[in-house]
Amino acid sequence: MTFGKRLRFLRKRRNLTQKDLADRFNVGESTIGMYERDEREPSFEFVKQLADFFNVTTDYLLGRTDDPNPPGSDNEELGTLARINQLIKEYGIEQMGFFDIEKWKQLSEEEIEEIVKHFEWVVHKAREKNKSNKE
């Protein structure tokens, strides 16, 4: 399978349009289309960015292997961390200033309370899982 076909497959699997993907990487929609039709080849750097975004290897994208999983991804902990990292990239959390403490200081009390509720839910789910694993 060609790079273009793999890119198209991965994009559609995520329910993304060419425009969605182009916007995510700040390239033209027509550029994504040309990549998918194998009319143009991306830079090495862009291939690496796509591999990170889709959580596949560059070898998979380039057609050198049919195994999309990075080495060690069968490790549950690494897989979970990779998925979280993927979500951070997918939702653009790093660009939103999520890790910028100065932006957190600007949140309203209601916004902070909403975030606290989400964190409490995550902790609750983790405790439930830990409890069921011990039984």
Protein backbone atom coordinates (compact mmCIF):
# COMPACT_ATOMS: atom_id res chain seq x y z
CA MET A 1 0.00 0.00 0.00
CA THR A 2 1.34 3.46 -0.86
CA PHE A 3 1.98 6.35 1.51
CA GLY A 4 -1.04 8.16 0.10
CA LYS A 5 -3.39 5.24 0.62
CA ARG A 6 -2.16 4.74 4.17
CA LEU A 7 -2.56 8.42 4.95
CA ARG A 8 -6.10 8.39 3.57
CA PHE A 9 -6.93 5.22 5.54
CA LEU A 10 -5.62 6.68 8.81
CA ARG A 11 -7.37 10.00 8.24
CA LYS A 12 -10.72 8.36 7.51
CA ARG A 13 -10.34 5.98 10.44
CA ARG A 14 -10.23 9.08 12.66
CA ASN A 15 -13.24 10.57 10.85
CA LEU A 16 -11.17 13.54 9.72
CA THR A 17 -11.61 15.43 6.48
CA GLN A 18 -8.65 16.51 4.40
CA LYS A 19 -9.36 20.03 5.66
CA ASP A 20 -9.32 18.86 9.29
CA LEU A 21 -5.93 17.26 8.81
CA ALA A 22 -4.60 20.22 6.84
CA ASP A 23 -5.72 22.63 9.56
CA ARG A 24 -4.15 20.48 12.25
CA PHE A 25 -0.75 20.67 10.53
CA ASN A 26 -1.13 24.15 9.08
CA VAL A 27 -0.82 23.01 5.46
CA GLY A 28 -3.15 23.44 2.54
CA GLU A 29 -6.04 21.07 2.02
CA SER A 30 -4.81 20.54 -1.55
CA THR A 31 -1.45 19.43 -0.13
CA ILE A 32 -3.13 16.63 1.82
CA GLY A 33 -5.06 15.68 -1.32
CA MET A 34 -1.86 15.50 -3.37
CA TYR A 35 -0.21 13.34 -0.68
CA GLU A 36 -3.20 10.99 -0.66
CA ARG A 37 -3.15 10.70 -4.47
CA ASP A 38 0.63 10.11 -4.36
CA GLU A 39 1.17 13.16 -6.54
CA ARG A 40 3.50 14.75 -4.03
CA GLU A 41 5.85 13.46 -1.34
CA PRO A 42 6.00 14.96 2.15
CA SER A 43 9.16 15.98 3.96
CA PHE A 44 10.75 13.60 6.43
CA GLU A 45 9.69 15.93 9.23
CA PHE A 46 6.05 15.87 8.12
CA VAL A 47 6.10 12.06 7.92
CA LYS A 48 7.39 11.97 11.52
CA GLN A 49 4.65 14.38 12.63
CA LEU A 50 1.97 12.27 10.94
CA ALA A 51 3.36 9.10 12.52
CA ASP A 52 3.20 10.71 15.97
CA PHE A 53 -0.30 12.06 15.34
CA PHE A 54 -1.68 8.71 14.17
CA ASN A 55 0.46 6.72 16.64
CA VAL A 56 2.01 4.57 13.92
CA THR A 57 5.58 4.10 12.79
CA THR A 58 7.11 6.01 9.92
CA ASP A 59 7.91 2.63 8.38
CA TYR A 60 4.20 1.86 8.33
CA LEU A 61 3.38 5.18 6.68
CA LEU A 62 6.10 4.65 4.09
CA GLY A 63 4.96 1.11 3.30
CA ARG A 64 8.06 -0.60 4.67
CA THR A 65 5.95 -2.69 7.06
CA ASP A 66 2.30 -3.60 7.47
CA ASP A 67 2.59 -3.36 11.25
CA PRO A 68 1.41 0.12 12.27
CA ASN A 69 2.40 -0.27 15.92
CA PRO A 70 5.56 1.32 17.26
CA PRO A 71 7.96 -1.12 18.97
CA GLY A 72 6.88 -1.78 22.54
CA SER A 73 3.34 -0.55 22.00
CA ASP A 74 2.05 -3.91 23.22
CA ASN A 75 3.20 -2.73 26.65
CA GLU A 76 -0.10 -1.65 28.25
CA GLU A 77 1.43 1.26 30.18
CA LEU A 78 3.31 2.59 27.17
CA GLY A 79 0.22 2.10 25.02
CA THR A 80 -1.89 4.08 27.48
CA LEU A 81 0.65 6.89 27.68
CA ALA A 82 0.94 6.94 23.90
CA ARG A 83 -2.86 7.20 23.62
CA ILE A 84 -2.95 10.10 26.10
CA ASN A 85 -0.14 11.81 24.21
CA GLN A 86 -2.03 11.19 20.98
CA LEU A 87 -5.18 12.78 22.43
CA ILE A 88 -3.21 15.81 23.61
CA LYS A 89 -1.94 16.26 20.06
CA GLU A 90 -5.25 15.39 18.39
CA TYR A 91 -7.22 17.94 20.40
CA GLY A 92 -4.47 20.54 20.18
CA ILE A 93 -4.23 20.77 23.96
CA GLU A 94 -0.56 21.77 23.79
CA GLN A 95 -1.47 24.71 21.52
CA MET A 96 -4.33 25.78 23.80
CA GLY A 97 -1.94 26.62 26.58
CA PHE A 98 -3.04 23.70 28.74
CA PHE A 99 0.45 23.44 30.18
CA ASP A 100 0.91 27.20 30.57
CA ILE A 101 0.31 28.10 34.23
CA GLU A 102 -0.27 31.76 33.36
CA LYS A 103 -3.31 30.82 31.26
CA TRP A 104 -4.67 28.73 34.14
CA LYS A 105 -4.57 31.82 36.35
CA GLN A 106 -7.01 33.51 33.96
CA LEU A 107 -9.73 30.86 34.35
CA SER A 108 -13.00 31.76 36.03
CA GLU A 109 -14.17 30.00 39.18
CA GLU A 110 -16.80 28.13 37.12
CA GLU A 111 -14.19 26.91 34.65
CA ILE A 112 -11.94 25.70 37.46
CA GLU A 113 -14.86 23.88 39.10
CA GLU A 114 -15.65 22.12 35.81
CA ILE A 115 -12.03 20.98 35.47
CA VAL A 116 -12.05 19.74 39.08
CA LYS A 117 -15.18 17.68 38.35
CA HIS A 118 -13.47 16.05 35.37
CA PHE A 119 -10.35 15.25 37.42
CA GLU A 120 -12.52 13.80 40.21
CA TRP A 121 -14.29 11.58 37.67
CA VAL A 122 -10.94 10.31 36.36
CA VAL A 123 -9.76 9.55 39.91
CA HIS A 124 -13.06 7.81 40.68
CA LYS A 125 -12.73 5.58 37.59
CA ALA A 126 -9.11 4.76 38.44
CA ARG A 127 -10.09 3.79 42.00
CA GLU A 128 -12.90 1.57 40.68
CA LYS A 129 -10.47 -0.15 38.33
CA ASN A 130 -7.85 -0.62 41.06
CA LYS A 131 -10.47 -2.02 43.42
CA SER A 132 -11.72 -4.54 40.85
CA ASN A 133 -8.14 -5.58 40.00
CA LYS A 134 -7.43 -6.38 43.67
CA GLU A 135 -10.53 -8.58 44.04
